[in-house]
């Protein structure tokens, strides 16, 4: 059974940084492309960044709104995917989730709240 546990969110001022972590259990992690998604005040889930399985090169892709500011990475030994977020803006405020990519699992973790405000 897959479990996804996101952590690392918090309150940060505009221009600040946060690093999110997602610990995954289950057999799929090592072979699955993984991604970060977010759900803001409009209640729509938005894809943020994705990373291929390391066996397939670990290539990364980013949404236009975060390109150049966010960096996704993964550590298969720890079954963890990370999202380093720099130069944060108020519009980055959302609950952040990780999941597989491009198709997502039916299961979603609890997410981690990121609030960017002065």
C-alpha atoms as a PDB file:
ATOM      1  CA  UNK A   1       0.000   0.000   0.000  1.00  0.00           C
ATOM      2  CA  UNK A   2       1.376   3.379  -1.003  1.00  0.00           C
ATOM      3  CA  UNK A   3       1.735   6.194   1.471  1.00  0.00           C
ATOM      4  CA  UNK A   4       2.836   9.719   0.685  1.00  0.00           C
ATOM      5  CA  UNK A   5       3.789  12.053   3.542  1.00  0.00           C
ATOM      6  CA  UNK A   6       4.548  15.663   2.713  1.00  0.00           C
ATOM      7  CA  UNK A   7       6.340  18.015   5.109  1.00  0.00           C
ATOM      8  CA  UNK A   8       8.353  21.229   5.259  1.00  0.00           C
ATOM      9  CA  UNK A   9       5.695  23.838   4.660  1.00  0.00           C
ATOM     10  CA  UNK A  10       5.224  26.965   6.705  1.00  0.00           C
ATOM     11  CA  UNK A  11       4.849  30.731   6.698  1.00  0.00           C
ATOM     12  CA  UNK A  12       7.503  32.652   4.824  1.00  0.00           C
ATOM     13  CA  UNK A  13       7.909  36.234   3.655  1.00  0.00           C
ATOM     14  CA  UNK A  14       7.940  37.105  -0.055  1.00  0.00           C
ATOM     15  CA  UNK A  15      11.388  36.409  -1.461  1.00  0.00           C
ATOM     16  CA  UNK A  16      12.055  33.700   1.082  1.00  0.00           C
ATOM     17  CA  UNK A  17      12.770  29.996   0.654  1.00  0.00           C
ATOM     18  CA  UNK A  18      11.386  26.669   1.808  1.00  0.00           C
ATOM     19  CA  UNK A  19      12.293  23.059   1.108  1.00  0.00           C
ATOM     20  CA  UNK A  20       9.490  20.525   0.980  1.00  0.00           C
ATOM     21  CA  UNK A  21       9.928  16.777   1.412  1.00  0.00           C
ATOM     22  CA  UNK A  22       7.717  13.882   0.421  1.00  0.00           C
ATOM     23  CA  UNK A  23       8.425  10.469   1.901  1.00  0.00           C
ATOM     24  CA  UNK A  24       6.942   7.646  -0.130  1.00  0.00           C
ATOM     25  CA  UNK A  25       6.403   4.052   0.866  1.00  0.00           C
ATOM     26  CA  UNK A  26       5.579   1.226  -1.453  1.00  0.00           C
ATOM     27  CA  UNK A  27       7.344  -0.403  -4.335  1.00  0.00           C
ATOM     28  CA  UNK A  28       6.529   2.162  -6.979  1.00  0.00           C
ATOM     29  CA  UNK A  29       8.742   5.018  -5.934  1.00  0.00           C
ATOM     30  CA  UNK A  30      12.027   3.986  -7.508  1.00  0.00           C
ATOM     31  CA  UNK A  31      10.530   3.322 -10.920  1.00  0.00           C
ATOM     32  CA  UNK A  32       7.949   6.103 -11.046  1.00  0.00           C
ATOM     33  CA  UNK A  33       8.239   9.637 -12.291  1.00  0.00           C
ATOM     34  CA  UNK A  34       7.206  11.838  -9.380  1.00  0.00           C
ATOM     35  CA  UNK A  35       5.805  15.340  -9.218  1.00  0.00           C
ATOM     36  CA  UNK A  36       4.736  18.109  -6.933  1.00  0.00           C
ATOM     37  CA  UNK A  37       1.264  19.587  -7.266  1.00  0.00           C
ATOM     38  CA  UNK A  38      -0.422  22.427  -5.425  1.00  0.00           C
ATOM     39  CA  UNK A  39      -3.936  23.506  -4.623  1.00  0.00           C
ATOM     40  CA  UNK A  40      -4.529  27.161  -3.904  1.00  0.00           C
ATOM     41  CA  UNK A  41      -7.492  29.274  -2.915  1.00  0.00           C
ATOM     42  CA  UNK A  42      -9.203  28.572  -6.257  1.00  0.00           C
ATOM     43  CA  UNK A  43      -9.332  24.919  -5.173  1.00  0.00           C
ATOM     44  CA  UNK A  44      -7.876  23.712  -8.460  1.00  0.00           C
ATOM     45  CA  UNK A  45      -4.945  21.314  -8.349  1.00  0.00           C
ATOM     46  CA  UNK A  46      -2.003  22.578 -10.397  1.00  0.00           C
ATOM     47  CA  UNK A  47       1.028  20.628 -11.511  1.00  0.00           C
ATOM     48  CA  UNK A  48       4.246  22.326 -10.333  1.00  0.00           C
ATOM     49  CA  UNK A  49       7.276  20.197 -11.178  1.00  0.00           C
ATOM     50  CA  UNK A  50       8.147  16.643 -12.186  1.00  0.00           C
ATOM     51  CA  UNK A  51      11.182  14.396 -12.141  1.00  0.00           C
ATOM     52  CA  UNK A  52      11.746  11.171 -14.053  1.00  0.00           C
ATOM     53  CA  UNK A  53      12.922   7.975 -12.446  1.00  0.00           C
ATOM     54  CA  UNK A  54      16.672   8.038 -11.907  1.00  0.00           C
ATOM     55  CA  UNK A  55      16.960   4.901 -14.024  1.00  0.00           C
ATOM     56  CA  UNK A  56      15.536   6.968 -16.870  1.00  0.00           C
ATOM     57  CA  UNK A  57      17.837   9.935 -16.378  1.00  0.00           C
ATOM     58  CA  UNK A  58      16.051  11.858 -13.665  1.00  0.00           C
ATOM     59  CA  UNK A  59      15.090  14.647 -16.066  1.00  0.00           C
ATOM     60  CA  UNK A  60      13.115  17.501 -14.559  1.00  0.00           C
ATOM     61  CA  UNK A  61      10.258  19.648 -15.863  1.00  0.00           C
ATOM     62  CA  UNK A  62       8.659  22.740 -14.392  1.00  0.00           C
ATOM     63  CA  UNK A  63       5.509  24.722 -14.767  1.00  0.00           C
ATOM     64  CA  UNK A  64       5.986  28.175 -16.250  1.00  0.00           C
ATOM     65  CA  UNK A  65       4.988  29.894 -13.031  1.00  0.00           C
ATOM     66  CA  UNK A  66       7.838  28.311 -11.022  1.00  0.00           C
ATOM     67  CA  UNK A  67      10.560  27.830 -13.633  1.00  0.00           C
ATOM     68  CA  UNK A  68      13.854  29.276 -12.451  1.00  0.00           C
ATOM     69  CA  UNK A  69      12.678  29.494  -8.837  1.00  0.00           C
ATOM     70  CA  UNK A  70      11.863  25.912  -7.823  1.00  0.00           C
ATOM     71  CA  UNK A  71      14.044  22.804  -8.024  1.00  0.00           C
ATOM     72  CA  UNK A  72      12.756  19.251  -7.758  1.00  0.00           C
ATOM     73  CA  UNK A  73      15.045  16.387  -6.759  1.00  0.00           C
ATOM     74  CA  UNK A  74      14.775  12.828  -5.477  1.00  0.00           C
ATOM     75  CA  UNK A  75      16.711  10.421  -3.279  1.00  0.00           C
ATOM     76  CA  UNK A  76      15.771   6.831  -4.044  1.00  0.00           C
ATOM     77  CA  UNK A  77      17.707   5.515  -1.061  1.00  0.00           C
ATOM     78  CA  UNK A  78      15.433   7.552   1.195  1.00  0.00           C
ATOM     79  CA  UNK A  79      12.333   7.121  -0.992  1.00  0.00           C
ATOM     80  CA  UNK A  80      11.950  10.883  -0.835  1.00  0.00           C
ATOM     81  CA  UNK A  81      11.280  13.617  -3.350  1.00  0.00           C
ATOM     82  CA  UNK A  82      12.116  17.233  -2.565  1.00  0.00           C
ATOM     83  CA  UNK A  83      11.039  20.661  -3.756  1.00  0.00           C
ATOM     84  CA  UNK A  84      13.403  23.550  -3.090  1.00  0.00           C
ATOM     85  CA  UNK A  85      11.433  26.765  -3.432  1.00  0.00           C
ATOM     86  CA  UNK A  86      13.270  30.083  -3.725  1.00  0.00           C
ATOM     87  CA  UNK A  87      12.104  33.632  -4.403  1.00  0.00           C
ATOM     88  CA  UNK A  88       8.672  32.751  -3.123  1.00  0.00           C
ATOM     89  CA  UNK A  89       5.719  34.928  -4.088  1.00  0.00           C
ATOM     90  CA  UNK A  90       2.301  35.366  -2.469  1.00  0.00           C
ATOM     91  CA  UNK A  91       0.760  33.515  -5.417  1.00  0.00           C
ATOM     92  CA  UNK A  92       2.752  30.423  -4.415  1.00  0.00           C
ATOM     93  CA  UNK A  93       0.520  30.124  -1.364  1.00  0.00           C
ATOM     94  CA  UNK A  94      -1.145  26.711  -1.531  1.00  0.00           C
ATOM     95  CA  UNK A  95      -1.238  23.213  -0.116  1.00  0.00           C
ATOM     96  CA  UNK A  96       1.524  21.221  -1.795  1.00  0.00           C
ATOM     97  CA  UNK A  97       1.234  17.517  -2.573  1.00  0.00           C
ATOM     98  CA  UNK A  98       3.435  14.923  -4.208  1.00  0.00           C
ATOM     99  CA  UNK A  99       2.249  12.076  -6.381  1.00  0.00           C
ATOM    100  CA  UNK A 100       3.225  10.085  -9.413  1.00  0.00           C
ATOM    101  CA  UNK A 101       3.394  11.709 -12.839  1.00  0.00           C
ATOM    102  CA  UNK A 102       1.787  12.189 -15.266  1.00  0.00           C
ATOM    103  CA  UNK A 103      -0.940   9.889 -14.050  1.00  0.00           C
ATOM    104  CA  UNK A 104      -1.638  10.216 -10.371  1.00  0.00           C
ATOM    105  CA  UNK A 105      -2.553   7.596  -7.835  1.00  0.00           C
ATOM    106  CA  UNK A 106      -6.054   7.561  -6.392  1.00  0.00           C
ATOM    107  CA  UNK A 107      -4.386   8.105  -3.030  1.00  0.00           C
ATOM    108  CA  UNK A 108      -3.193  11.578  -1.994  1.00  0.00           C
ATOM    109  CA  UNK A 109      -1.308  12.486   1.150  1.00  0.00           C
ATOM    110  CA  UNK A 110      -2.380  15.218   3.530  1.00  0.00           C
ATOM    111  CA  UNK A 111      -0.221  17.824   1.829  1.00  0.00           C
ATOM    112  CA  UNK A 112       1.819  20.588   3.433  1.00  0.00           C
ATOM    113  CA  UNK A 113       0.646  24.204   3.655  1.00  0.00           C
ATOM    114  CA  UNK A 114       2.870  26.929   2.241  1.00  0.00           C
ATOM    115  CA  UNK A 115       1.875  30.501   3.010  1.00  0.00           C
ATOM    116  CA  UNK A 116       3.805  33.404   1.513  1.00  0.00           C
ATOM    117  CA  UNK A 117       2.891  36.639   3.220  1.00  0.00           C
ATOM    118  CA  UNK A 118       4.474  39.693   4.796  1.00  0.00           C
END
